[in-house]
């Protein structure tokens, strides 16, 4: 089976999270940029991701979609990078906890807040994240316990750290000192800097304004 890593992405998407993870892993990979709209809805691409969205990762015959899943997969596929606690380790518990807290409550709460979707106080028990304030408070406590989420840098920091960084950049998360300090630490990592440089170079050129 081929071990080639093929990364399907767009520089204006959540694919930036996976790019960062790939740079942390340090294995060679090939990038396929997929345009928004019709290119993502072709039969060829939807054979990789039926949702018609990026990112997607192909590793030999294995196809993985969803950012958190890709990050978790890469951490396990390349254990030499040290991006996940060893299988069977009790550290695996908090690692999974925060990785999926990012993919579940954080993603849902921030998306709803951005779209102006307010959950009535009497209905907070109906949604997995409860309320936006609870998610922010939980995140603040998590990133204040130490330098990283599980004692050392891991794929959980890539995924949740990217969400916090974007939230601060685009104003979709509260600007709390703990978030800013955590994001600053992560954004200074060499792999994060490389990933941003690669994706920024792939951004479409801005068209000059019409005169």
N, C-alpha and C. Protein backbone atom coordinates (compact mmCIF):
# COMPACT_ATOMS: atom_id res chain seq x y z
N UNK A 1 0.84 -1.20 0.00
CA UNK A 1 0.00 0.00 0.00
C UNK A 1 0.88 1.25 0.00
N UNK A 2 0.54 2.19 -0.83
CA UNK A 2 1.28 3.45 -0.87
C UNK A 2 1.11 4.19 0.45
N UNK A 3 2.19 4.84 0.86
CA UNK A 3 2.14 5.63 2.09
C UNK A 3 2.04 7.12 1.81
N UNK A 4 1.78 7.49 0.55
CA UNK A 4 1.73 8.90 0.20
C UNK A 4 0.60 9.61 0.94
N UNK A 5 0.92 10.79 1.45
CA UNK A 5 -0.07 11.65 2.09
C UNK A 5 -0.50 12.71 1.09
N UNK A 6 -1.79 12.77 0.80
CA UNK A 6 -2.33 13.80 -0.08
C UNK A 6 -3.33 14.62 0.71
N UNK A 7 -3.11 15.91 0.73
CA UNK A 7 -3.90 16.83 1.54
C UNK A 7 -4.75 17.70 0.63
N UNK A 8 -6.07 17.58 0.75
CA UNK A 8 -7.01 18.36 -0.04
C UNK A 8 -7.51 19.51 0.81
N UNK A 9 -7.33 20.73 0.31
CA UNK A 9 -7.61 21.88 1.15
C UNK A 9 -7.90 23.11 0.33
N UNK A 10 -8.20 24.17 1.02
CA UNK A 10 -8.29 25.51 0.45
C UNK A 10 -7.72 26.44 1.52
N UNK A 11 -6.87 27.39 1.15
CA UNK A 11 -6.24 28.23 2.18
C UNK A 11 -7.20 29.12 2.94
N UNK A 12 -8.45 29.23 2.48
CA UNK A 12 -9.44 30.03 3.19
C UNK A 12 -10.44 29.13 3.91
N UNK A 13 -9.94 28.04 4.47
CA UNK A 13 -10.82 27.07 5.11
C UNK A 13 -10.20 26.53 6.40
N UNK A 14 -10.95 25.65 7.06
CA UNK A 14 -10.44 24.96 8.24
C UNK A 14 -9.27 24.06 7.90
N UNK A 15 -9.01 23.89 6.62
CA UNK A 15 -7.84 23.12 6.21
C UNK A 15 -6.54 23.66 6.81
N UNK A 16 -6.55 24.92 7.21
CA UNK A 16 -5.35 25.50 7.84
C UNK A 16 -4.99 24.74 9.13
N UNK A 17 -5.99 24.19 9.80
CA UNK A 17 -5.72 23.41 11.00
C UNK A 17 -4.90 22.17 10.64
N UNK A 18 -5.34 21.48 9.60
CA UNK A 18 -4.67 20.26 9.18
C UNK A 18 -3.29 20.58 8.62
N UNK A 19 -3.15 21.67 7.92
CA UNK A 19 -1.82 22.08 7.43
C UNK A 19 -0.85 22.21 8.60
N UNK A 20 -1.30 22.87 9.66
CA UNK A 20 -0.46 23.02 10.84
C UNK A 20 -0.09 21.64 11.41
N UNK A 21 -1.09 20.77 11.51
CA UNK A 21 -0.83 19.43 12.04
C UNK A 21 0.18 18.68 11.17
N UNK A 22 0.03 18.78 9.87
CA UNK A 22 0.98 18.11 8.97
C UNK A 22 2.39 18.65 9.15
N UNK A 23 2.52 19.95 9.35
CA UNK A 23 3.84 20.52 9.56
C UNK A 23 4.43 20.06 10.90
N UNK A 24 3.58 19.88 11.90
CA UNK A 24 4.06 19.34 13.18
C UNK A 24 4.51 17.90 13.03
N UNK A 25 3.78 17.11 12.23
CA UNK A 25 4.12 15.71 12.01
C UNK A 25 5.47 15.58 11.31
N UNK A 26 5.71 16.46 10.33
CA UNK A 26 7.01 16.49 9.68
C UNK A 26 7.22 15.46 8.59
N UNK A 27 6.15 14.83 8.11
CA UNK A 27 6.26 13.87 7.01
C UNK A 27 5.97 14.56 5.69
N UNK A 28 6.59 14.11 4.60
CA UNK A 28 6.29 14.72 3.29
C UNK A 28 4.83 14.47 2.90
N UNK A 29 4.24 15.47 2.27
CA UNK A 29 2.85 15.35 1.82
C UNK A 29 2.66 16.21 0.58
N UNK A 30 1.63 15.86 -0.18
CA UNK A 30 1.30 16.62 -1.38
C UNK A 30 0.00 17.37 -1.16
N UNK A 31 -0.04 18.62 -1.60
CA UNK A 31 -1.23 19.45 -1.43
C UNK A 31 -2.02 19.53 -2.72
N UNK A 32 -3.31 19.33 -2.63
CA UNK A 32 -4.23 19.55 -3.74
C UNK A 32 -5.21 20.64 -3.30
N UNK A 33 -5.12 21.81 -3.92
CA UNK A 33 -6.03 22.91 -3.58
C UNK A 33 -7.33 22.72 -4.34
N UNK A 34 -8.44 22.74 -3.60
CA UNK A 34 -9.76 22.55 -4.19
C UNK A 34 -10.54 23.85 -4.07
N UNK A 35 -11.03 24.35 -5.17
CA UNK A 35 -11.78 25.60 -5.16
C UNK A 35 -13.16 25.43 -4.53
N UNK A 36 -13.65 26.51 -3.95
CA UNK A 36 -15.01 26.50 -3.40
C UNK A 36 -16.03 26.43 -4.53
N UNK A 37 -17.22 25.97 -4.20
CA UNK A 37 -18.28 25.90 -5.21
C UNK A 37 -18.19 24.62 -6.01
N UNK A 38 -18.40 24.68 -7.33
CA UNK A 38 -18.46 23.47 -8.16
C UNK A 38 -17.28 22.52 -8.00
N UNK A 39 -16.01 22.99 -7.88
CA UNK A 39 -14.91 22.03 -7.76
C UNK A 39 -15.04 21.09 -6.56
N UNK A 40 -15.65 21.58 -5.46
CA UNK A 40 -15.81 20.73 -4.29
C UNK A 40 -17.02 19.79 -4.41
N UNK A 41 -17.85 20.02 -5.43
CA UNK A 41 -19.07 19.22 -5.59
C UNK A 41 -18.97 18.22 -6.73
N UNK A 42 -17.79 18.07 -7.32
CA UNK A 42 -17.63 17.11 -8.40
C UNK A 42 -17.73 15.69 -7.85
N UNK A 43 -18.11 14.76 -8.71
CA UNK A 43 -18.20 13.36 -8.29
C UNK A 43 -16.84 12.85 -7.82
N UNK A 44 -15.80 13.31 -8.49
CA UNK A 44 -14.44 12.87 -8.14
C UNK A 44 -14.09 13.28 -6.71
N UNK A 45 -14.36 14.55 -6.38
CA UNK A 45 -13.99 14.99 -5.04
C UNK A 45 -14.95 14.41 -3.99
N UNK A 46 -16.24 14.32 -4.32
CA UNK A 46 -17.20 13.79 -3.35
C UNK A 46 -17.00 12.31 -3.07
N UNK A 47 -16.22 11.64 -3.93
CA UNK A 47 -15.84 10.27 -3.62
C UNK A 47 -14.87 10.24 -2.44
N UNK A 48 -14.16 11.35 -2.23
CA UNK A 48 -13.28 11.48 -1.07
C UNK A 48 -14.04 11.98 0.14
N UNK A 49 -14.81 13.05 -0.06
CA UNK A 49 -15.62 13.61 1.02
C UNK A 49 -17.02 13.86 0.49
N UNK A 50 -17.96 12.99 0.83
CA UNK A 50 -19.34 13.15 0.33
C UNK A 50 -19.99 14.46 0.73
N UNK A 51 -19.45 15.14 1.75
CA UNK A 51 -19.97 16.44 2.15
C UNK A 51 -19.59 17.53 1.15
N UNK A 52 -18.63 17.25 0.29
CA UNK A 52 -18.21 18.27 -0.67
C UNK A 52 -17.53 19.45 0.01
N UNK A 53 -16.73 19.15 1.03
CA UNK A 53 -16.06 20.19 1.79
C UNK A 53 -14.60 19.79 1.98
N UNK A 54 -13.78 20.77 2.32
CA UNK A 54 -12.40 20.51 2.71
C UNK A 54 -12.28 20.81 4.21
N UNK A 55 -11.26 20.20 4.83
CA UNK A 55 -10.17 19.40 4.26
C UNK A 55 -10.53 17.91 4.18
N UNK A 56 -9.67 17.21 3.46
CA UNK A 56 -9.69 15.75 3.42
C UNK A 56 -8.24 15.30 3.33
N UNK A 57 -7.98 14.12 3.83
CA UNK A 57 -6.63 13.57 3.80
C UNK A 57 -6.70 12.15 3.24
N UNK A 58 -5.81 11.86 2.31
CA UNK A 58 -5.69 10.51 1.79
C UNK A 58 -4.30 10.00 2.15
N UNK A 59 -4.25 8.88 2.86
CA UNK A 59 -3.00 8.27 3.27
C UNK A 59 -2.98 6.87 2.71
N UNK A 60 -2.35 6.70 1.55
CA UNK A 60 -2.45 5.43 0.86
C UNK A 60 -3.89 5.18 0.46
N UNK A 61 -4.47 4.10 0.97
CA UNK A 61 -5.87 3.77 0.67
C UNK A 61 -6.85 4.30 1.71
N UNK A 62 -6.33 4.98 2.72
CA UNK A 62 -7.18 5.47 3.81
C UNK A 62 -7.59 6.91 3.53
N UNK A 63 -8.87 7.21 3.70
CA UNK A 63 -9.38 8.57 3.55
C UNK A 63 -9.95 9.03 4.88
N UNK A 64 -9.54 10.21 5.32
CA UNK A 64 -10.03 10.77 6.57
C UNK A 64 -10.55 12.18 6.30
N UNK A 65 -11.71 12.50 6.83
CA UNK A 65 -12.25 13.86 6.76
C UNK A 65 -12.52 14.32 8.19
N UNK A 66 -12.90 15.59 8.34
CA UNK A 66 -13.17 16.24 9.62
C UNK A 66 -11.83 16.55 10.31
N UNK A 67 -11.65 17.84 10.62
CA UNK A 67 -10.36 18.30 11.13
C UNK A 67 -9.88 17.56 12.37
N UNK A 68 -10.76 17.40 13.34
CA UNK A 68 -10.35 16.72 14.58
C UNK A 68 -9.95 15.28 14.30
N UNK A 69 -10.71 14.60 13.43
CA UNK A 69 -10.40 13.22 13.09
C UNK A 69 -9.06 13.13 12.37
N UNK A 70 -8.79 14.07 11.47
CA UNK A 70 -7.53 14.06 10.74
C UNK A 70 -6.37 14.28 11.70
N UNK A 71 -6.52 15.23 12.61
CA UNK A 71 -5.46 15.49 13.59
C UNK A 71 -5.19 14.25 14.45
N UNK A 72 -6.26 13.61 14.93
CA UNK A 72 -6.11 12.40 15.75
C UNK A 72 -5.46 11.28 14.95
N UNK A 73 -5.88 11.13 13.69
CA UNK A 73 -5.33 10.07 12.84
C UNK A 73 -3.84 10.27 12.62
N UNK A 74 -3.45 11.49 12.27
CA UNK A 74 -2.04 11.76 12.00
C UNK A 74 -1.18 11.54 13.24
N UNK A 75 -1.70 11.93 14.40
CA UNK A 75 -0.94 11.74 15.64
C UNK A 75 -0.67 10.25 15.89
N UNK A 76 -1.65 9.40 15.58
CA UNK A 76 -1.48 7.97 15.79
C UNK A 76 -0.70 7.31 14.67
N UNK A 77 -0.86 7.81 13.45
CA UNK A 77 -0.16 7.22 12.31
C UNK A 77 1.34 7.48 12.36
N UNK A 78 1.72 8.59 13.01
CA UNK A 78 3.14 8.95 13.09
C UNK A 78 3.51 9.23 14.55
N UNK A 79 3.54 8.18 15.37
CA UNK A 79 3.78 8.36 16.80
C UNK A 79 5.14 8.96 17.12
N UNK A 80 6.08 8.84 16.18
CA UNK A 80 7.41 9.39 16.42
C UNK A 80 7.38 10.91 16.59
N UNK A 81 6.32 11.55 16.13
CA UNK A 81 6.20 13.01 16.28
C UNK A 81 5.80 13.40 17.71
N UNK A 82 5.32 12.45 18.50
CA UNK A 82 4.97 12.71 19.89
C UNK A 82 3.80 13.64 20.07
N UNK A 83 2.79 13.53 19.20
CA UNK A 83 1.66 14.46 19.23
C UNK A 83 0.41 13.89 19.89
N UNK A 84 0.56 12.73 20.52
CA UNK A 84 -0.54 12.14 21.28
C UNK A 84 0.04 11.26 22.37
N UNK A 85 -0.62 11.18 23.52
CA UNK A 85 -0.19 10.23 24.55
C UNK A 85 -0.25 8.81 23.99
N UNK A 86 0.57 7.95 24.50
CA UNK A 86 0.62 6.58 24.01
C UNK A 86 -0.72 5.88 24.23
N UNK A 87 -1.13 5.01 23.30
CA UNK A 87 -2.35 4.23 23.51
C UNK A 87 -2.26 3.46 24.83
N UNK A 88 -3.33 3.51 25.60
CA UNK A 88 -3.34 2.86 26.90
C UNK A 88 -2.92 3.76 28.04
N UNK A 89 -2.29 4.89 27.71
CA UNK A 89 -1.89 5.83 28.74
C UNK A 89 -3.11 6.53 29.31
N UNK A 90 -3.09 6.83 30.60
CA UNK A 90 -4.21 7.55 31.20
C UNK A 90 -4.28 8.99 30.72
N UNK A 91 -3.18 9.50 30.17
CA UNK A 91 -3.20 10.84 29.58
C UNK A 91 -4.10 10.88 28.35
N UNK A 92 -4.39 9.69 27.83
CA UNK A 92 -5.26 9.62 26.64
C UNK A 92 -6.65 10.18 26.97
N UNK A 93 -7.07 10.05 28.21
CA UNK A 93 -8.39 10.54 28.61
C UNK A 93 -8.53 12.04 28.43
N UNK A 94 -7.70 12.87 29.10
CA UNK A 94 -7.81 14.31 28.89
C UNK A 94 -7.48 14.74 27.47
N UNK A 95 -6.62 13.99 26.80
CA UNK A 95 -6.31 14.30 25.39
C UNK A 95 -7.57 14.19 24.54
N UNK A 96 -8.28 13.07 24.66
CA UNK A 96 -9.54 12.92 23.93
C UNK A 96 -10.56 13.96 24.39
N UNK A 97 -10.60 14.20 25.68
CA UNK A 97 -11.57 15.14 26.22
C UNK A 97 -11.49 16.48 25.53
N UNK A 98 -10.28 17.05 25.46
CA UNK A 98 -10.16 18.40 24.90
C UNK A 98 -10.19 18.43 23.39
N UNK A 99 -9.71 17.36 22.76
CA UNK A 99 -9.81 17.30 21.30
C UNK A 99 -11.27 17.32 20.88
N UNK A 100 -12.10 16.55 21.55
CA UNK A 100 -13.51 16.46 21.16
C UNK A 100 -14.36 17.56 21.79
N UNK A 101 -13.88 18.18 22.84
CA UNK A 101 -14.55 19.38 23.32
C UNK A 101 -14.46 20.47 22.26
N UNK A 102 -13.32 20.52 21.58
CA UNK A 102 -13.18 21.47 20.48
C UNK A 102 -14.09 21.15 19.31
N UNK A 103 -14.17 19.86 18.96
CA UNK A 103 -14.97 19.45 17.80
C UNK A 103 -16.46 19.50 18.09
N UNK A 104 -16.84 19.40 19.37
CA UNK A 104 -18.26 19.40 19.72
C UNK A 104 -18.73 20.71 20.30
N UNK A 105 -18.69 20.88 21.61
CA UNK A 105 -19.24 22.10 22.23
C UNK A 105 -18.65 23.40 21.71
N UNK A 106 -17.32 23.46 21.55
CA UNK A 106 -16.72 24.73 21.11
C UNK A 106 -17.19 25.11 19.72
N UNK A 107 -17.09 24.18 18.78
CA UNK A 107 -17.50 24.45 17.40
C UNK A 107 -18.96 24.88 17.34
N UNK A 108 -19.83 24.15 18.03
CA UNK A 108 -21.26 24.46 17.98
C UNK A 108 -21.57 25.79 18.64
N UNK A 109 -20.98 26.04 19.80
CA UNK A 109 -21.27 27.28 20.52
C UNK A 109 -20.81 28.51 19.74
N UNK A 110 -19.59 28.43 19.19
CA UNK A 110 -19.06 29.59 18.46
C UNK A 110 -19.84 29.81 17.17
N UNK A 111 -20.19 28.73 16.48
CA UNK A 111 -20.96 28.86 15.24
C UNK A 111 -22.32 29.51 15.52
N UNK A 112 -23.01 29.02 16.53
CA UNK A 112 -24.32 29.59 16.86
C UNK A 112 -24.21 31.05 17.27
N UNK A 113 -23.21 31.37 18.06
CA UNK A 113 -23.01 32.75 18.49
C UNK A 113 -22.76 33.65 17.28
N UNK A 114 -21.92 33.19 16.36
CA UNK A 114 -21.59 33.97 15.17
C UNK A 114 -22.82 34.20 14.30
N UNK A 115 -23.69 33.19 14.22
CA UNK A 115 -24.89 33.29 13.39
C UNK A 115 -26.05 33.96 14.11
N UNK A 116 -25.83 34.33 15.36
CA UNK A 116 -26.90 34.99 16.11
C UNK A 116 -27.96 34.04 16.62
N UNK A 117 -27.62 32.76 16.72
CA UNK A 117 -28.57 31.78 17.23
C UNK A 117 -28.47 31.74 18.75
N UNK A 118 -29.51 32.16 19.43
CA UNK A 118 -29.53 32.19 20.89
C UNK A 118 -30.39 31.05 21.43
N UNK A 119 -29.82 30.27 22.32
CA UNK A 119 -30.57 29.18 22.94
C UNK A 119 -31.30 29.75 24.16
N UNK A 120 -32.61 29.64 24.21
CA UNK A 120 -33.35 30.15 25.38
C UNK A 120 -32.83 29.50 26.66
N UNK A 121 -32.71 30.27 27.75
CA UNK A 121 -32.17 29.73 29.00
C UNK A 121 -32.83 28.43 29.44
N UNK A 122 -34.11 28.31 29.22
CA UNK A 122 -34.82 27.10 29.66
C UNK A 122 -34.56 25.90 28.73
N UNK A 123 -33.86 26.15 27.60
CA UNK A 123 -33.59 25.08 26.64
C UNK A 123 -32.12 24.68 26.61
N UNK A 124 -31.28 25.25 27.46
CA UNK A 124 -29.84 24.96 27.39
C UNK A 124 -29.53 23.48 27.62
N UNK A 125 -30.40 22.79 28.33
CA UNK A 125 -30.20 21.36 28.53
C UNK A 125 -30.41 20.54 27.28
N UNK A 126 -30.98 21.14 26.26
CA UNK A 126 -31.25 20.43 25.01
C UNK A 126 -30.04 20.40 24.08
N UNK A 127 -29.08 21.29 24.30
CA UNK A 127 -27.93 21.37 23.39
C UNK A 127 -26.67 20.90 24.12
N UNK A 128 -25.79 20.28 23.38
CA UNK A 128 -24.61 19.68 23.98
C UNK A 128 -23.71 20.66 24.69
N UNK A 129 -23.66 21.89 24.21
CA UNK A 129 -22.74 22.85 24.81
C UNK A 129 -23.37 23.67 25.93
N UNK A 130 -24.65 23.51 26.16
CA UNK A 130 -25.29 24.27 27.23
C UNK A 130 -25.50 25.72 26.82
N UNK A 131 -24.52 26.56 27.14
CA UNK A 131 -24.58 27.95 26.71
C UNK A 131 -23.17 28.45 26.42
N UNK A 132 -23.09 29.53 25.64
CA UNK A 132 -21.81 30.07 25.19
C UNK A 132 -20.92 30.43 26.38
N UNK A 133 -21.49 31.04 27.41
CA UNK A 133 -20.69 31.45 28.57
C UNK A 133 -20.04 30.26 29.25
N UNK A 134 -20.76 29.16 29.36
CA UNK A 134 -20.19 27.96 29.99
C UNK A 134 -19.01 27.43 29.17
N UNK A 135 -19.13 27.47 27.85
CA UNK A 135 -18.05 27.00 26.99
C UNK A 135 -16.81 27.88 27.16
N UNK A 136 -17.00 29.18 27.17
CA UNK A 136 -15.87 30.10 27.35
C UNK A 136 -15.20 29.90 28.71
N UNK A 137 -15.99 29.72 29.75
CA UNK A 137 -15.43 29.52 31.09
C UNK A 137 -14.65 28.21 31.17
N UNK A 138 -15.20 27.17 30.54
CA UNK A 138 -14.52 25.87 30.54
C UNK A 138 -13.21 25.93 29.78
N UNK A 139 -13.23 26.60 28.64
CA UNK A 139 -12.00 26.75 27.86
C UNK A 139 -10.96 27.55 28.63
N UNK A 140 -11.39 28.62 29.26
CA UNK A 140 -10.45 29.45 30.01
C UNK A 140 -9.76 28.63 31.10
N UNK A 141 -10.51 27.82 31.80
CA UNK A 141 -9.93 26.99 32.85
C UNK A 141 -8.96 25.97 32.25
N UNK A 142 -9.32 25.38 31.12
CA UNK A 142 -8.48 24.36 30.48
C UNK A 142 -7.13 24.91 30.07
N UNK A 143 -7.11 26.10 29.46
CA UNK A 143 -5.84 26.64 28.96
C UNK A 143 -5.05 27.37 30.04
N UNK A 144 -5.62 27.45 31.23
CA UNK A 144 -4.93 28.12 32.34
C UNK A 144 -4.22 27.14 33.26
N UNK A 145 -4.43 25.84 33.04
CA UNK A 145 -3.86 24.83 33.93
C UNK A 145 -2.37 24.62 33.73
N UNK A 146 -1.86 24.96 32.58
CA UNK A 146 -0.45 24.75 32.26
C UNK A 146 -0.16 25.27 30.88
N UNK A 147 1.05 25.00 30.40
CA UNK A 147 1.44 25.51 29.09
C UNK A 147 0.59 24.89 27.97
N UNK A 148 0.28 23.60 28.12
CA UNK A 148 -0.51 22.89 27.12
C UNK A 148 -1.66 22.14 27.80
N UNK A 149 -2.56 21.59 27.01
CA UNK A 149 -3.78 20.99 27.54
C UNK A 149 -3.54 19.72 28.34
N UNK A 150 -2.58 18.91 27.92
CA UNK A 150 -2.33 17.63 28.61
C UNK A 150 -0.90 17.52 29.10
N UNK A 151 -0.32 18.65 29.48
CA UNK A 151 1.02 18.63 30.04
C UNK A 151 2.13 18.77 29.02
N UNK A 152 1.89 18.36 27.82
CA UNK A 152 2.83 18.55 26.72
C UNK A 152 2.04 18.83 25.46
N UNK A 153 2.69 19.42 24.49
CA UNK A 153 2.01 19.78 23.25
C UNK A 153 1.47 18.53 22.56
N UNK A 154 0.23 18.62 22.05
CA UNK A 154 -0.38 17.48 21.38
C UNK A 154 -1.31 17.95 20.27
N UNK A 155 -1.89 16.99 19.56
CA UNK A 155 -2.86 17.30 18.51
C UNK A 155 -4.05 18.05 19.07
N UNK A 156 -4.37 17.85 20.35
CA UNK A 156 -5.48 18.58 20.96
C UNK A 156 -5.18 20.08 20.99
N UNK A 157 -3.92 20.44 21.20
CA UNK A 157 -3.54 21.86 21.17
C UNK A 157 -3.63 22.42 19.76
N UNK A 158 -3.28 21.61 18.77
CA UNK A 158 -3.40 22.08 17.38
C UNK A 158 -4.86 22.42 17.09
N UNK A 159 -5.75 21.48 17.39
CA UNK A 159 -7.14 21.69 17.02
C UNK A 159 -7.82 22.78 17.84
N UNK A 160 -7.73 22.68 19.15
CA UNK A 160 -8.39 23.67 19.99
C UNK A 160 -7.66 25.01 19.92
N UNK A 161 -6.34 24.96 19.81
CA UNK A 161 -5.57 26.20 19.72
C UNK A 161 -5.89 26.98 18.46
N UNK A 162 -6.09 26.27 17.35
CA UNK A 162 -6.46 26.94 16.10
C UNK A 162 -7.82 27.61 16.24
N UNK A 163 -8.75 26.93 16.90
CA UNK A 163 -10.08 27.52 17.09
C UNK A 163 -10.00 28.79 17.93
N UNK A 164 -9.22 28.74 18.99
CA UNK A 164 -9.09 29.92 19.85
C UNK A 164 -8.39 31.05 19.10
N UNK A 165 -7.35 30.71 18.35
CA UNK A 165 -6.64 31.74 17.58
C UNK A 165 -7.55 32.43 16.58
N UNK A 166 -8.36 31.64 15.87
CA UNK A 166 -9.30 32.23 14.91
C UNK A 166 -10.37 33.02 15.62
N UNK A 167 -10.83 32.49 16.75
CA UNK A 167 -11.86 33.21 17.50
C UNK A 167 -11.41 34.58 17.93
N UNK A 168 -10.16 34.69 18.35
CA UNK A 168 -9.61 35.98 18.73
C UNK A 168 -9.42 36.89 17.51
N UNK A 169 -8.95 36.29 16.42
CA UNK A 169 -8.69 37.08 15.22
C UNK A 169 -9.97 37.67 14.63
N UNK A 170 -11.03 36.87 14.61
CA UNK A 170 -12.26 37.29 13.95
C UNK A 170 -13.34 37.76 14.93
N UNK A 171 -13.01 37.81 16.20
CA UNK A 171 -13.96 38.33 17.18
C UNK A 171 -15.11 37.42 17.50
N UNK A 172 -14.95 36.11 17.28
CA UNK A 172 -16.03 35.18 17.58
C UNK A 172 -15.88 34.55 18.96
N UNK A 173 -14.78 34.86 19.64
CA UNK A 173 -14.56 34.42 21.01
C UNK A 173 -14.24 35.63 21.87
N UNK A 174 -14.55 35.50 23.14
CA UNK A 174 -14.24 36.59 24.06
C UNK A 174 -12.73 36.74 24.19
N UNK A 175 -12.27 37.97 24.24
CA UNK A 175 -10.83 38.24 24.32
C UNK A 175 -10.40 38.21 25.79
N UNK A 176 -10.12 37.02 26.26
CA UNK A 176 -9.69 36.83 27.64
C UNK A 176 -8.16 36.66 27.68
N UNK A 177 -7.49 37.18 28.72
CA UNK A 177 -6.03 37.07 28.79
C UNK A 177 -5.52 35.64 28.66
N UNK A 178 -6.22 34.68 29.24
CA UNK A 178 -5.77 33.29 29.16
C UNK A 178 -5.80 32.79 27.72
N UNK A 179 -6.82 33.17 26.96
CA UNK A 179 -6.89 32.78 25.55
C UNK A 179 -5.75 33.41 24.76
N UNK A 180 -5.51 34.68 25.01
CA UNK A 180 -4.47 35.40 24.26
C UNK A 180 -3.10 34.81 24.54
N UNK A 181 -2.82 34.48 25.79
CA UNK A 181 -1.52 33.92 26.14
C UNK A 181 -1.33 32.54 25.50
N UNK A 182 -2.38 31.73 25.55
CA UNK A 182 -2.32 30.39 24.97
C UNK A 182 -2.12 30.46 23.45
N UNK A 183 -2.90 31.29 22.79
CA UNK A 183 -2.78 31.44 21.34
C UNK A 183 -1.40 31.95 20.95
N UNK A 184 -0.88 32.87 21.71
CA UNK A 184 0.45 33.43 21.40
C UNK A 184 1.53 32.36 21.49
N UNK A 185 1.46 31.50 22.50
CA UNK A 185 2.43 30.41 22.65
C UNK A 185 2.38 29.48 21.44
N UNK A 186 1.17 29.12 21.04
CA UNK A 186 1.03 28.17 19.94
C UNK A 186 1.43 28.77 18.60
N UNK A 187 1.06 30.02 18.37
CA UNK A 187 1.36 30.65 17.09
C UNK A 187 2.85 30.88 16.89
N UNK A 188 3.61 30.81 17.96
CA UNK A 188 5.06 30.99 17.86
C UNK A 188 5.79 29.70 17.51
N UNK A 189 5.08 28.58 17.49
CA UNK A 189 5.73 27.31 17.14
C UNK A 189 6.20 27.34 15.68
N UNK A 190 7.40 26.84 15.40
CA UNK A 190 7.92 26.85 14.03
C UNK A 190 6.96 26.21 13.02
N UNK A 191 6.32 25.10 13.39
CA UNK A 191 5.40 24.44 12.45
C UNK A 191 4.20 25.31 12.16
N UNK A 192 3.71 26.03 13.17
CA UNK A 192 2.56 26.92 12.95
C UNK A 192 2.95 28.07 12.02
N UNK A 193 4.15 28.59 12.20
CA UNK A 193 4.63 29.68 11.35
C UNK A 193 4.78 29.19 9.91
N UNK A 194 5.38 28.01 9.73
CA UNK A 194 5.53 27.45 8.38
C UNK A 194 4.18 27.23 7.73
N UNK A 195 3.25 26.66 8.47
CA UNK A 195 1.92 26.37 7.91
C UNK A 195 1.24 27.65 7.44
N UNK A 196 1.31 28.69 8.24
CA UNK A 196 0.70 29.96 7.86
C UNK A 196 1.36 30.54 6.61
N UNK A 197 2.66 30.44 6.53
CA UNK A 197 3.38 30.97 5.36
C UNK A 197 2.97 30.22 4.09
N UNK A 198 2.83 28.89 4.20
CA UNK A 198 2.44 28.09 3.04
C UNK A 198 1.03 28.46 2.58
N UNK A 199 0.09 28.51 3.53
CA UNK A 199 -1.29 28.82 3.16
C UNK A 199 -1.45 30.26 2.70
N UNK A 200 -0.73 31.18 3.31
CA UNK A 200 -0.81 32.58 2.87
C UNK A 200 -0.32 32.72 1.43
N UNK A 201 0.69 31.94 1.07
CA UNK A 201 1.21 32.00 -0.31
C UNK A 201 0.21 31.43 -1.32
N UNK A 202 -0.71 30.59 -0.84
CA UNK A 202 -1.71 29.98 -1.72
C UNK A 202 -2.99 30.81 -1.83
N UNK A 203 -3.08 31.87 -1.03
CA UNK A 203 -4.27 32.72 -1.08
C UNK A 203 -4.40 33.37 -2.44
N UNK A 204 -5.62 33.46 -2.97
CA UNK A 204 -5.80 34.12 -4.27
C UNK A 204 -5.42 35.58 -4.17
N UNK A 205 -4.85 36.09 -5.23
CA UNK A 205 -4.47 37.50 -5.26
C UNK A 205 -5.73 38.37 -5.21
N UNK A 206 -5.66 39.38 -4.40
CA UNK A 206 -6.79 40.30 -4.28
C UNK A 206 -6.90 41.15 -5.54
N UNK A 207 -8.08 41.18 -6.09
CA UNK A 207 -8.28 41.96 -7.31
C UNK A 207 -8.33 43.45 -6.97
N UNK A 208 -7.70 44.29 -7.79
CA UNK A 208 -7.75 45.71 -7.52
C UNK A 208 -9.18 46.25 -7.65
N UNK A 209 -9.51 47.19 -6.84
CA UNK A 209 -10.85 47.78 -6.89
C UNK A 209 -11.08 48.48 -8.22
N UNK A 210 -12.28 48.38 -8.71
CA UNK A 210 -12.60 49.05 -9.98
C UNK A 210 -12.56 50.55 -9.79
N UNK A 211 -12.03 51.22 -10.79
CA UNK A 211 -11.94 52.69 -10.70
C UNK A 211 -13.23 53.32 -11.18
